[in-house]
Amino acid sequence: MSLISLLIALAAERYLSSSFWQFNSYYQRYTQFIRRTRLLESGLLSALGTLGLIFLPVAAVYGLLWLIDDSLLHLIFSTVILIICFGCIKTRSSYKKYLMAAYRGEMSSCELMHAQLRSDKNLPEMGFGQTLVWLNYRYYIAIMLFFIFLGAPGVVFYRLVSTLAENPGDDQSKPGTDDDMSEEQQTAQQEGQAANLEAGAEESIATIAEETAEAEMEKADIEIQQGLISDAVSPCQQFLFWLDWIPVRLTSFGYMLVGHFSKALPVWLESLFDFSKQPSAILVDVAQKSEDLMVDSEDCTAEPCLLVRLAKRNLLLLLAIISVLTLSGVIS
């Protein structure tokens, strides 16, 4: 079942680009719901509170899967969840635009797209090819591993934690947010004020003043809620460090198998029990040693293309391993 879901999801996610199949659209609606219901107005968004914020959709997915008694419906629902959590259209689009700009010789555009991608994903300083290697792990390899071991609820859990760690406030600038709604309310209130002033109703004026004060309070509450969600970044980043600890080492070991094993092995062993090195740095270091990067320094497309091909080989290796484990009955 898991292998079938993975194969369907990998084949489908590239062609399903509507908002219905994008995780970020659901994430934005969820954070807006949290702000509207004021579930975080206590002001105590600690690490425990952040886990509670993440637990709600995970528990919902787990409960639905538990209620589904039919194996076919269970497969369909799990596959839909997997497709939604797989991949990132923004990263794929940035890669294509980067290559097109590089082929046209627009180096400044390449640098801007590289910087924008790192900023959007809250990543440290690294090359464009290294960024793609890490994002390939984040949006494909890690999702596959969590799906195999923890199922669809595990996929939702990891994607929520990673998205919240990247940028919890990325939905604030999009249409349909609470800020836009408050502006519409203010406009309607101003029109109501003008109409009531013309009528000369003193009681209505007092009512409007109260509504305006309430609107200002609601806007202040929204700003507080946005700040509270932003405060969840730090605990999520710390938790994500340990969440990635084993999967990153498994993924980097795969890079050695599909690349230069002897060259990458010392780097992998050096980082095996290193609890201070960031997972992204471990994965990138092993990937670079696993691939020959002796390319023209003026060719900014060589490194990204080589590392992307290496990442694709690693993904195929993981699929092959999952297939063998499925056929042998180790996983279902």
C-alpha atoms as a PDB file:
ATOM      1  CA  MET A   1       0.000   0.000   0.000  1.00  0.00           C
ATOM      2  CA  SER A   2       2.734   2.480   0.936  1.00  0.00           C
ATOM      3  CA  LEU A   3       4.686   1.800  -2.245  1.00  0.00           C
ATOM      4  CA  ILE A   4       1.588   2.259  -4.417  1.00  0.00           C
ATOM      5  CA  SER A   5       0.785   5.570  -2.694  1.00  0.00           C
ATOM      6  CA  LEU A   6       4.345   6.799  -3.181  1.00  0.00           C
ATOM      7  CA  LEU A   7       4.417   5.907  -6.867  1.00  0.00           C
ATOM      8  CA  ILE A   8       1.068   7.582  -7.516  1.00  0.00           C
ATOM      9  CA  ALA A   9       2.025  10.691  -5.552  1.00  0.00           C
ATOM     10  CA  LEU A  10       5.394  11.083  -7.282  1.00  0.00           C
ATOM     11  CA  ALA A  11       3.752  10.756 -10.681  1.00  0.00           C
ATOM     12  CA  ALA A  12       0.849  13.080  -9.900  1.00  0.00           C
ATOM     13  CA  GLU A  13       2.319  15.948  -7.871  1.00  0.00           C
ATOM     14  CA  ARG A  14       4.233  17.394 -10.829  1.00  0.00           C
ATOM     15  CA  TYR A  15       1.035  17.874 -12.842  1.00  0.00           C
ATOM     16  CA  LEU A  16      -1.362  18.913 -10.071  1.00  0.00           C
ATOM     17  CA  SER A  17      -0.561  22.580  -9.632  1.00  0.00           C
ATOM     18  CA  SER A  18      -3.907  24.002  -8.492  1.00  0.00           C
ATOM     19  CA  SER A  19      -4.288  25.424  -4.994  1.00  0.00           C
ATOM     20  CA  PHE A  20      -6.353  22.391  -3.965  1.00  0.00           C
ATOM     21  CA  TRP A  21      -3.216  20.231  -4.167  1.00  0.00           C
ATOM     22  CA  GLN A  22      -0.883  22.712  -2.453  1.00  0.00           C
ATOM     23  CA  PHE A  23      -0.035  22.336   1.214  1.00  0.00           C
ATOM     24  CA  ASN A  24       0.543  26.066   1.712  1.00  0.00           C
ATOM     25  CA  SER A  25      -3.072  26.931   0.872  1.00  0.00           C
ATOM     26  CA  TYR A  26      -4.304  24.675   3.685  1.00  0.00           C
ATOM     27  CA  TYR A  27      -1.615  25.955   6.017  1.00  0.00           C
ATOM     28  CA  GLN A  28      -2.680  29.560   5.428  1.00  0.00           C
ATOM     29  CA  ARG A  29      -6.325  28.740   6.099  1.00  0.00           C
ATOM     30  CA  TYR A  30      -5.367  26.904   9.258  1.00  0.00           C
ATOM     31  CA  THR A  31      -3.320  29.796  10.675  1.00  0.00           C
ATOM     32  CA  GLN A  32      -6.124  32.214   9.788  1.00  0.00           C
ATOM     33  CA  PHE A  33      -8.566  29.956  11.631  1.00  0.00           C
ATOM     34  CA  ILE A  34      -6.284  29.953  14.676  1.00  0.00           C
ATOM     35  CA  ARG A  35      -6.209  33.743  14.687  1.00  0.00           C
ATOM     36  CA  ARG A  36      -9.951  34.149  14.184  1.00  0.00           C
ATOM     37  CA  THR A  37     -10.825  31.727  16.989  1.00  0.00           C
ATOM     38  CA  ARG A  38      -8.227  33.332  19.298  1.00  0.00           C
ATOM     39  CA  LEU A  39      -6.910  29.975  20.437  1.00  0.00           C
ATOM     40  CA  LEU A  40      -3.541  31.575  21.184  1.00  0.00           C
ATOM     41  CA  GLU A  41      -4.739  34.680  23.005  1.00  0.00           C
ATOM     42  CA  SER A  42      -3.313  33.372  26.298  1.00  0.00           C
ATOM     43  CA  GLY A  43       0.072  34.593  25.104  1.00  0.00           C
ATOM     44  CA  LEU A  44       1.870  31.469  26.252  1.00  0.00           C
ATOM     45  CA  LEU A  45       3.021  29.854  23.006  1.00  0.00           C
ATOM     46  CA  SER A  46       5.759  27.699  24.463  1.00  0.00           C
ATOM     47  CA  ALA A  47       7.217  24.587  22.858  1.00  0.00           C
ATOM     48  CA  LEU A  48       4.320  22.613  24.346  1.00  0.00           C
ATOM     49  CA  GLY A  49       1.813  25.076  22.927  1.00  0.00           C
ATOM     50  CA  THR A  50       3.419  24.834  19.512  1.00  0.00           C
ATOM     51  CA  LEU A  51       3.114  21.060  19.558  1.00  0.00           C
ATOM     52  CA  GLY A  52      -0.537  21.474  20.478  1.00  0.00           C
ATOM     53  CA  LEU A  53      -0.983  23.777  17.491  1.00  0.00           C
ATOM     54  CA  ILE A  54       0.508  21.101  15.246  1.00  0.00           C
ATOM     55  CA  PHE A  55      -1.328  18.228  16.921  1.00  0.00           C
ATOM     56  CA  LEU A  56      -4.834  19.343  15.870  1.00  0.00           C
ATOM     57  CA  PRO A  57      -4.612  18.594  12.104  1.00  0.00           C
ATOM     58  CA  VAL A  58      -2.463  15.512  12.753  1.00  0.00           C
ATOM     59  CA  ALA A  59      -5.105  14.135  15.109  1.00  0.00           C
ATOM     60  CA  ALA A  60      -7.816  14.941  12.546  1.00  0.00           C
ATOM     61  CA  VAL A  61      -5.999  12.976   9.826  1.00  0.00           C
ATOM     62  CA  TYR A  62      -5.341  10.076  12.181  1.00  0.00           C
ATOM     63  CA  GLY A  63      -8.987  10.007  13.273  1.00  0.00           C
ATOM     64  CA  LEU A  64     -10.275   9.978   9.698  1.00  0.00           C
ATOM     65  CA  LEU A  65      -7.941   7.155   8.745  1.00  0.00           C
ATOM     66  CA  TRP A  66      -8.991   5.217  11.834  1.00  0.00           C
ATOM     67  CA  LEU A  67     -12.669   5.629  10.918  1.00  0.00           C
ATOM     68  CA  ILE A  68     -12.130   4.471   7.322  1.00  0.00           C
ATOM     69  CA  ASP A  69     -12.671   0.729   7.356  1.00  0.00           C
ATOM     70  CA  ASP A  70     -12.318   0.128   3.618  1.00  0.00           C
ATOM     71  CA  SER A  71      -8.734  -0.511   2.458  1.00  0.00           C
ATOM     72  CA  LEU A  72      -9.303   1.144  -0.935  1.00  0.00           C
ATOM     73  CA  LEU A  73     -10.646   4.348   0.633  1.00  0.00           C
ATOM     74  CA  HIS A  74      -7.764   4.251   3.096  1.00  0.00           C
ATOM     75  CA  LEU A  75      -5.320   4.070   0.170  1.00  0.00           C
ATOM     76  CA  ILE A  76      -7.044   6.911  -1.696  1.00  0.00           C
ATOM     77  CA  PHE A  77      -7.144   9.209   1.333  1.00  0.00           C
ATOM     78  CA  SER A  78      -3.511   8.513   2.257  1.00  0.00           C
ATOM     79  CA  THR A  79      -2.419   9.140  -1.327  1.00  0.00           C
ATOM     80  CA  VAL A  80      -4.291  12.455  -1.484  1.00  0.00           C
ATOM     81  CA  ILE A  81      -2.615  13.594   1.738  1.00  0.00           C
ATOM     82  CA  LEU A  82       0.753  12.518   0.347  1.00  0.00           C
ATOM     83  CA  ILE A  83       0.250  14.423  -2.920  1.00  0.00           C
ATOM     84  CA  ILE A  84      -0.703  17.581  -1.012  1.00  0.00           C
ATOM     85  CA  CYS A  85       2.377  17.359   1.221  1.00  0.00           C
ATOM     86  CA  PHE A  86       4.784  16.384  -1.567  1.00  0.00           C
ATOM     87  CA  GLY A  87       6.967  18.856  -3.401  1.00  0.00           C
ATOM     88  CA  CYS A  88       7.050  22.637  -3.661  1.00  0.00           C
ATOM     89  CA  ILE A  89       5.965  24.450  -6.816  1.00  0.00           C
ATOM     90  CA  LYS A  90       7.844  27.606  -5.824  1.00  0.00           C
ATOM     91  CA  THR A  91      11.157  25.725  -5.615  1.00  0.00           C
ATOM     92  CA  ARG A  92      10.637  23.990  -8.965  1.00  0.00           C
ATOM     93  CA  SER A  93       9.667  27.293 -10.587  1.00  0.00           C
ATOM     94  CA  SER A  94      12.724  29.042  -9.125  1.00  0.00           C
ATOM     95  CA  TYR A  95      14.982  26.300 -10.507  1.00  0.00           C
ATOM     96  CA  LYS A  96      13.535  26.650 -14.003  1.00  0.00           C
ATOM     97  CA  LYS A  97      13.740  30.447 -13.932  1.00  0.00           C
ATOM     98  CA  TYR A  98      17.312  30.245 -12.638  1.00  0.00           C
ATOM     99  CA  LEU A  99      18.365  28.011 -15.524  1.00  0.00           C
ATOM    100  CA  MET A 100      16.613  30.203 -18.103  1.00  0.00           C
ATOM    101  CA  ALA A 101      18.247  33.334 -16.716  1.00  0.00           C
ATOM    102  CA  ALA A 102      21.647  31.586 -16.629  1.00  0.00           C
ATOM    103  CA  TYR A 103      21.334  30.483 -20.258  1.00  0.00           C
ATOM    104  CA  ARG A 104      20.540  34.089 -21.219  1.00  0.00           C
ATOM    105  CA  GLY A 105      23.598  35.264 -19.289  1.00  0.00           C
ATOM    106  CA  GLU A 106      21.628  37.252 -16.714  1.00  0.00           C
ATOM    107  CA  MET A 107      23.803  36.607 -13.695  1.00  0.00           C
ATOM    108  CA  SER A 108      22.189  39.320 -11.579  1.00  0.00           C
ATOM    109  CA  SER A 109      18.775  37.669 -12.043  1.00  0.00           C
ATOM    110  CA  CYS A 110      20.253  34.334 -10.993  1.00  0.00           C
ATOM    111  CA  GLU A 111      21.662  35.850  -7.827  1.00  0.00           C
ATOM    112  CA  LEU A 112      18.366  37.549  -7.004  1.00  0.00           C
ATOM    113  CA  MET A 113      16.387  34.330  -7.458  1.00  0.00           C
ATOM    114  CA  HIS A 114      18.918  32.438  -5.352  1.00  0.00           C
ATOM    115  CA  ALA A 115      18.721  35.016  -2.566  1.00  0.00           C
ATOM    116  CA  GLN A 116      14.918  35.079  -2.731  1.00  0.00           C
ATOM    117  CA  LEU A 117      14.682  31.304  -2.480  1.00  0.00           C
ATOM    118  CA  ARG A 118      16.956  31.196   0.567  1.00  0.00           C
ATOM    119  CA  SER A 119      14.983  34.000   2.176  1.00  0.00           C
ATOM    120  CA  ASP A 120      11.628  32.323   1.523  1.00  0.00           C
ATOM    121  CA  LYS A 121      12.818  29.034   3.004  1.00  0.00           C
ATOM    122  CA  ASN A 122      14.759  30.608   5.888  1.00  0.00           C
ATOM    123  CA  LEU A 123      18.012  28.899   4.875  1.00  0.00           C
ATOM    124  CA  PRO A 124      21.617  29.763   5.771  1.00  0.00           C
ATOM    125  CA  GLU A 125      24.166  30.925   3.224  1.00  0.00           C
ATOM    126  CA  MET A 126      24.744  28.195   0.646  1.00  0.00           C
ATOM    127  CA  GLY A 127      25.076  27.760  -3.109  1.00  0.00           C
ATOM    128  CA  PHE A 128      22.063  27.370  -5.365  1.00  0.00           C
ATOM    129  CA  GLY A 129      22.790  23.699  -6.042  1.00  0.00           C
ATOM    130  CA  GLN A 130      23.246  23.068  -2.319  1.00  0.00           C
ATOM    131  CA  THR A 131      19.914  24.785  -1.640  1.00  0.00           C
ATOM    132  CA  LEU A 132      18.213  22.486  -4.137  1.00  0.00           C
ATOM    133  CA  VAL A 133      19.759  19.411  -2.507  1.00  0.00           C
ATOM    134  CA  TRP A 134      18.420  20.428   0.882  1.00  0.00           C
ATOM    135  CA  LEU A 135      14.956  21.316  -0.429  1.00  0.00           C
ATOM    136  CA  ASN A 136      14.841  18.008  -2.309  1.00  0.00           C
ATOM    137  CA  TYR A 137      15.327  16.306   1.048  1.00  0.00           C
ATOM    138  CA  ARG A 138      12.803  18.543   2.800  1.00  0.00           C
ATOM    139  CA  TYR A 139       9.989  18.133   0.262  1.00  0.00           C
ATOM    140  CA  TYR A 140      10.598  14.619  -1.067  1.00  0.00           C
ATOM    141  CA  ILE A 141      12.992  12.335   0.816  1.00  0.00           C
ATOM    142  CA  ALA A 142      11.871  13.303   4.328  1.00  0.00           C
ATOM    143  CA  ILE A 143       8.207  13.092   3.309  1.00  0.00           C
ATOM    144  CA  MET A 144       8.775   9.591   1.908  1.00  0.00           C
ATOM    145  CA  LEU A 145      10.563   8.403   5.043  1.00  0.00           C
ATOM    146  CA  PHE A 146       7.901   9.749   7.398  1.00  0.00           C
ATOM    147  CA  PHE A 147       5.169   8.234   5.240  1.00  0.00           C
ATOM    148  CA  ILE A 148       6.793   4.791   5.313  1.00  0.00           C
ATOM    149  CA  PHE A 149       7.292   4.758   9.074  1.00  0.00           C
ATOM    150  CA  LEU A 150       4.398   6.911  10.368  1.00  0.00           C
ATOM    151  CA  GLY A 151       1.881   7.010   7.532  1.00  0.00           C
ATOM    152  CA  ALA A 152      -0.154  10.034   6.432  1.00  0.00           C
ATOM    153  CA  PRO A 153      -0.367  11.551   9.969  1.00  0.00           C
ATOM    154  CA  GLY A 154       3.439  11.513  10.165  1.00  0.00           C
ATOM    155  CA  VAL A 155       3.665  13.305   6.817  1.00  0.00           C
ATOM    156  CA  VAL A 156       1.269  16.034   7.970  1.00  0.00           C
ATOM    157  CA  PHE A 157       3.178  16.354  11.231  1.00  0.00           C
ATOM    158  CA  TYR A 158       6.555  16.807   9.532  1.00  0.00           C
ATOM    159  CA  ARG A 159       5.243  19.207   6.918  1.00  0.00           C
ATOM    160  CA  LEU A 160       3.556  21.386   9.554  1.00  0.00           C
ATOM    161  CA  VAL A 161       6.692  21.553  11.690  1.00  0.00           C
ATOM    162  CA  SER A 162       8.957  22.343   8.711  1.00  0.00           C
ATOM    163  CA  THR A 163       6.588  24.970   7.299  1.00  0.00           C
ATOM    164  CA  LEU A 164       6.153  26.682  10.652  1.00  0.00           C
ATOM    165  CA  ALA A 165       9.933  26.672  11.107  1.00  0.00           C
ATOM    166  CA  GLU A 166      10.506  28.180   7.667  1.00  0.00           C
ATOM    167  CA  ASN A 167       8.112  31.105   7.828  1.00  0.00           C
ATOM    168  CA  PRO A 168       4.932  31.072   9.903  1.00  0.00           C
ATOM    169  CA  GLY A 169       3.817  34.500   8.739  1.00  0.00           C
ATOM    170  CA  ASP A 170       3.986  34.033   4.979  1.00  0.00           C
ATOM    171  CA  ASP A 171       0.225  34.074   4.699  1.00  0.00           C
ATOM    172  CA  GLN A 172      -0.152  37.552   6.167  1.00  0.00           C
ATOM    173  CA  SER A 173       0.589  39.364   2.913  1.00  0.00           C
ATOM    174  CA  LYS A 174      -1.842  37.344   0.784  1.00  0.00           C
ATOM    175  CA  PRO A 175      -5.385  38.341  -0.116  1.00  0.00           C
ATOM    176  CA  GLY A 176      -8.146  37.140   2.143  1.00  0.00           C
ATOM    177  CA  THR A 177      -6.289  37.598   5.429  1.00  0.00           C
ATOM    178  CA  ASP A 178      -7.754  39.072   8.560  1.00  0.00           C
ATOM    179  CA  ASP A 179      -6.001  42.405   7.910  1.00  0.00           C
ATOM    180  CA  ASP A 180      -7.852  42.781   4.593  1.00  0.00           C
ATOM    181  CA  MET A 181     -11.142  41.957   6.299  1.00  0.00           C
ATOM    182  CA  SER A 182     -10.528  44.564   8.981  1.00  0.00           C
ATOM    183  CA  GLU A 183      -9.984  47.254   6.325  1.00  0.00           C
ATOM    184  CA  GLU A 184     -13.309  46.336   4.724  1.00  0.00           C
ATOM    185  CA  GLN A 185     -15.001  46.545   8.093  1.00  0.00           C
ATOM    186  CA  GLN A 186     -13.466  49.964   8.710  1.00  0.00           C
ATOM    187  CA  THR A 187     -14.703  51.209   5.318  1.00  0.00           C
ATOM    188  CA  ALA A 188     -18.219  49.948   6.026  1.00  0.00           C
ATOM    189  CA  GLN A 189     -18.142  51.565   9.437  1.00  0.00           C
ATOM    190  CA  GLN A 190     -17.049  54.898   7.957  1.00  0.00           C
ATOM    191  CA  GLU A 191     -19.918  54.774   5.464  1.00  0.00           C
ATOM    192  CA  GLY A 192     -22.281  53.980   8.324  1.00  0.00           C
ATOM    193  CA  GLN A 193     -20.907  56.925  10.261  1.00  0.00           C
ATOM    194  CA  ALA A 194     -21.618  59.321   7.401  1.00  0.00           C
ATOM    195  CA  ALA A 195     -25.168  58.058   6.975  1.00  0.00           C
ATOM    196  CA  ASN A 196     -25.906  58.308  10.669  1.00  0.00           C
ATOM    197  CA  LEU A 197     -24.411  61.776  10.930  1.00  0.00           C
ATOM    198  CA  GLU A 198     -26.705  62.978   8.196  1.00  0.00           C
ATOM    199  CA  ALA A 199     -29.641  61.516  10.064  1.00  0.00           C
ATOM    200  CA  GLY A 200     -28.501  63.244  13.225  1.00  0.00           C
ATOM    201  CA  ALA A 201     -28.983  60.217  15.456  1.00  0.00           C
ATOM    202  CA  GLU A 202     -26.867  60.708  18.545  1.00  0.00           C
ATOM    203  CA  GLU A 203     -27.408  57.163  19.773  1.00  0.00           C
ATOM    204  CA  SER A 204     -26.211  55.783  16.456  1.00  0.00           C
ATOM    205  CA  ILE A 205     -23.089  57.918  16.669  1.00  0.00           C
ATOM    206  CA  ALA A 206     -22.340  56.471  20.081  1.00  0.00           C
ATOM    207  CA  THR A 207     -22.889  52.974  18.732  1.00  0.00           C
ATOM    208  CA  ILE A 208     -20.548  53.643  15.824  1.00  0.00           C
ATOM    209  CA  ALA A 209     -17.885  54.895  18.201  1.00  0.00           C
ATOM    210  CA  GLU A 210     -18.161  51.664  20.160  1.00  0.00           C
ATOM    211  CA  GLU A 211     -17.933  49.591  16.966  1.00  0.00           C
ATOM    212  CA  THR A 212     -14.866  51.538  15.855  1.00  0.00           C
ATOM    213  CA  ALA A 213     -13.202  50.912  19.210  1.00  0.00           C
ATOM    214  CA  GLU A 214     -14.071  47.222  18.917  1.00  0.00           C
ATOM    215  CA  ALA A 215     -12.593  47.118  15.415  1.00  0.00           C
ATOM    216  CA  GLU A 216      -9.380  48.682  16.686  1.00  0.00           C
ATOM    217  CA  MET A 217      -9.252  46.128  19.486  1.00  0.00           C
ATOM    218  CA  GLU A 218      -9.816  43.300  16.996  1.00  0.00           C
ATOM    219  CA  LYS A 219      -6.984  44.626  14.832  1.00  0.00           C
ATOM    220  CA  ALA A 220      -4.705  44.750  17.863  1.00  0.00           C
ATOM    221  CA  ASP A 221      -5.706  41.185  18.732  1.00  0.00           C
ATOM    222  CA  ILE A 222      -4.866  40.074  15.189  1.00  0.00           C
ATOM    223  CA  GLU A 223      -1.411  41.653  15.472  1.00  0.00           C
ATOM    224  CA  ILE A 224      -0.896  39.856  18.781  1.00  0.00           C
ATOM    225  CA  GLN A 225      -1.949  36.534  17.272  1.00  0.00           C
ATOM    226  CA  GLN A 226       0.460  37.044  14.347  1.00  0.00           C
ATOM    227  CA  GLY A 227       3.233  37.771  16.786  1.00  0.00           C
ATOM    228  CA  LEU A 228       2.399  34.667  18.802  1.00  0.00           C
ATOM    229  CA  ILE A 229       2.522  32.458  15.705  1.00  0.00           C
ATOM    230  CA  SER A 230       5.844  34.038  14.761  1.00  0.00           C
ATOM    231  CA  ASP A 231       7.170  33.198  18.224  1.00  0.00           C
ATOM    232  CA  ALA A 232       6.641  29.518  17.375  1.00  0.00           C
ATOM    233  CA  VAL A 233       9.557  29.582  14.923  1.00  0.00           C
ATOM    234  CA  SER A 234      12.300  29.078  17.486  1.00  0.00           C
ATOM    235  CA  PRO A 235      10.867  25.985  19.253  1.00  0.00           C
ATOM    236  CA  CYS A 236       9.897  24.495  15.884  1.00  0.00           C
ATOM    237  CA  GLN A 237      13.409  24.977  14.535  1.00  0.00           C
ATOM    238  CA  GLN A 238      14.873  23.307  17.602  1.00  0.00           C
ATOM    239  CA  PHE A 239      12.418  20.436  17.367  1.00  0.00           C
ATOM    240  CA  LEU A 240      13.017  20.096  13.627  1.00  0.00           C
ATOM    241  CA  PHE A 241      16.754  19.725  14.287  1.00  0.00           C
ATOM    242  CA  TRP A 242      16.103  16.488  16.198  1.00  0.00           C
ATOM    243  CA  LEU A 243      13.339  15.442  13.850  1.00  0.00           C
ATOM    244  CA  ASP A 244      15.812  15.558  10.933  1.00  0.00           C
ATOM    245  CA  TRP A 245      18.678  13.953  12.829  1.00  0.00           C
ATOM    246  CA  ILE A 246      18.209  10.339  11.679  1.00  0.00           C
ATOM    247  CA  PRO A 247      16.562  10.967   8.264  1.00  0.00           C
ATOM    248  CA  VAL A 248      19.389  13.287   7.193  1.00  0.00           C
ATOM    249  CA  ARG A 249      22.022  10.672   7.997  1.00  0.00           C
ATOM    250  CA  LEU A 250      20.067   8.007   6.135  1.00  0.00           C
ATOM    251  CA  THR A 251      19.670  10.301   3.128  1.00  0.00           C
ATOM    252  CA  SER A 252      23.330  11.288   3.097  1.00  0.00           C
ATOM    253  CA  PHE A 253      24.275   7.608   3.261  1.00  0.00           C
ATOM    254  CA  GLY A 254      22.191   7.127   0.127  1.00  0.00           C
ATOM    255  CA  TYR A 255      24.192   9.871  -1.568  1.00  0.00           C
ATOM    256  CA  MET A 256      27.336   7.887  -0.902  1.00  0.00           C
ATOM    257  CA  LEU A 257      25.818   4.767  -2.457  1.00  0.00           C
ATOM    258  CA  VAL A 258      24.829   6.557  -5.662  1.00  0.00           C
ATOM    259  CA  GLY A 259      27.982   8.693  -5.777  1.00  0.00           C
ATOM    260  CA  HIS A 260      31.629   8.425  -4.716  1.00  0.00           C
ATOM    261  CA  PHE A 261      31.411   6.258  -1.622  1.00  0.00           C
ATOM    262  CA  SER A 262      35.088   6.393  -0.671  1.00  0.00           C
ATOM    263  CA  LYS A 263      35.299  10.182  -0.930  1.00  0.00           C
ATOM    264  CA  ALA A 264      32.122  10.866   1.036  1.00  0.00           C
ATOM    265  CA  LEU A 265      32.534   8.210   3.732  1.00  0.00           C
ATOM    266  CA  PRO A 266      35.002  10.198   5.914  1.00  0.00           C
ATOM    267  CA  VAL A 267      32.676  13.220   5.899  1.00  0.00           C
ATOM    268  CA  TRP A 268      29.678  11.058   6.765  1.00  0.00           C
ATOM    269  CA  LEU A 269      31.483   9.314   9.625  1.00  0.00           C
ATOM    270  CA  GLU A 270      32.748  12.622  10.968  1.00  0.00           C
ATOM    271  CA  SER A 271      29.198  13.974  11.156  1.00  0.00           C
ATOM    272  CA  LEU A 272      27.527  10.757  12.303  1.00  0.00           C
ATOM    273  CA  PHE A 273      27.465  11.607  16.008  1.00  0.00           C
ATOM    274  CA  ASP A 274      27.900  15.364  15.699  1.00  0.00           C
ATOM    275  CA  PHE A 275      25.057  16.940  17.681  1.00  0.00           C
ATOM    276  CA  SER A 276      26.041  20.526  16.936  1.00  0.00           C
ATOM    277  CA  LYS A 277      26.232  20.538  13.145  1.00  0.00           C
ATOM    278  CA  GLN A 278      23.093  21.568  11.308  1.00  0.00           C
ATOM    279  CA  PRO A 279      21.345  18.830   9.285  1.00  0.00           C
ATOM    280  CA  SER A 280      21.488  20.962   6.136  1.00  0.00           C
ATOM    281  CA  ALA A 281      25.270  21.308   6.455  1.00  0.00           C
ATOM    282  CA  ILE A 282      25.701  17.532   6.919  1.00  0.00           C
ATOM    283  CA  LEU A 283      23.583  16.702   3.886  1.00  0.00           C
ATOM    284  CA  VAL A 284      25.240  19.295   1.661  1.00  0.00           C
ATOM    285  CA  ASP A 285      28.786  18.300   2.663  1.00  0.00           C
ATOM    286  CA  VAL A 286      28.181  14.624   1.941  1.00  0.00           C
ATOM    287  CA  ALA A 287      26.389  15.412  -1.336  1.00  0.00           C
ATOM    288  CA  GLN A 288      29.271  17.556  -2.554  1.00  0.00           C
ATOM    289  CA  LYS A 289      31.796  14.829  -1.768  1.00  0.00           C
ATOM    290  CA  SER A 290      29.580  12.266  -3.475  1.00  0.00           C
ATOM    291  CA  GLU A 291      29.632  14.117  -6.796  1.00  0.00           C
ATOM    292  CA  ASP A 292      32.444  15.481  -8.961  1.00  0.00           C
ATOM    293  CA  LEU A 293      32.083  19.254  -8.932  1.00  0.00           C
ATOM    294  CA  MET A 294      35.126  20.114 -11.039  1.00  0.00           C
ATOM    295  CA  VAL A 295      33.255  22.492 -13.331  1.00  0.00           C
ATOM    296  CA  ASP A 296      33.832  25.856 -14.964  1.00  0.00           C
ATOM    297  CA  SER A 297      33.568  28.555 -12.314  1.00  0.00           C
ATOM    298  CA  GLU A 298      31.812  30.832 -14.809  1.00  0.00           C
ATOM    299  CA  ASP A 299      29.118  28.248 -15.518  1.00  0.00           C
ATOM    300  CA  CYS A 300      26.533  28.780 -12.770  1.00  0.00           C
ATOM    301  CA  THR A 301      24.319  25.967 -14.078  1.00  0.00           C
ATOM    302  CA  ALA A 302      26.828  23.128 -13.752  1.00  0.00           C
ATOM    303  CA  GLU A 303      26.717  22.659  -9.978  1.00  0.00           C
ATOM    304  CA  PRO A 304      22.905  22.834  -9.643  1.00  0.00           C
ATOM    305  CA  CYS A 305      22.379  20.383 -12.520  1.00  0.00           C
ATOM    306  CA  LEU A 306      24.933  17.896 -11.164  1.00  0.00           C
ATOM    307  CA  LEU A 307      23.547  18.002  -7.642  1.00  0.00           C
ATOM    308  CA  VAL A 308      19.944  17.743  -8.853  1.00  0.00           C
ATOM    309  CA  ARG A 309      20.844  14.631 -10.863  1.00  0.00           C
ATOM    310  CA  LEU A 310      22.524  13.201  -7.769  1.00  0.00           C
ATOM    311  CA  ALA A 311      19.394  13.902  -5.717  1.00  0.00           C
ATOM    312  CA  LYS A 312      17.220  12.172  -8.336  1.00  0.00           C
ATOM    313  CA  ARG A 313      19.441   9.083  -8.245  1.00  0.00           C
ATOM    314  CA  ASN A 314      19.147   9.035  -4.464  1.00  0.00           C
ATOM    315  CA  LEU A 315      15.361   9.246  -4.684  1.00  0.00           C
ATOM    316  CA  LEU A 316      15.295   6.308  -7.110  1.00  0.00           C
ATOM    317  CA  LEU A 317      17.529   4.357  -4.741  1.00  0.00           C
ATOM    318  CA  LEU A 318      15.107   4.998  -1.880  1.00  0.00           C
ATOM    319  CA  LEU A 319      12.197   3.835  -4.036  1.00  0.00           C
ATOM    320  CA  ALA A 320      14.108   0.655  -4.909  1.00  0.00           C
ATOM    321  CA  ILE A 321      14.808  -0.044  -1.231  1.00  0.00           C
ATOM    322  CA  ILE A 322      11.155   0.533  -0.340  1.00  0.00           C
ATOM    323  CA  SER A 323      10.141  -1.846  -3.138  1.00  0.00           C
ATOM    324  CA  VAL A 324      12.437  -4.590  -1.830  1.00  0.00           C
ATOM    325  CA  LEU A 325      11.202  -4.108   1.747  1.00  0.00           C
ATOM    326  CA  THR A 326       7.593  -4.227   0.520  1.00  0.00           C
ATOM    327  CA  LEU A 327       8.113  -7.417  -1.469  1.00  0.00           C
ATOM    328  CA  SER A 328       9.866  -9.046   1.469  1.00  0.00           C
ATOM    329  CA  GLY A 329       6.999  -8.121   3.795  1.00  0.00           C
ATOM    330  CA  VAL A 330       9.021  -5.835   6.081  1.00  0.00           C
ATOM    331  CA  ILE A 331       6.730  -2.891   5.338  1.00  0.00           C
ATOM    332  CA  SER A 332       3.143  -2.907   4.122  1.00  0.00           C
END
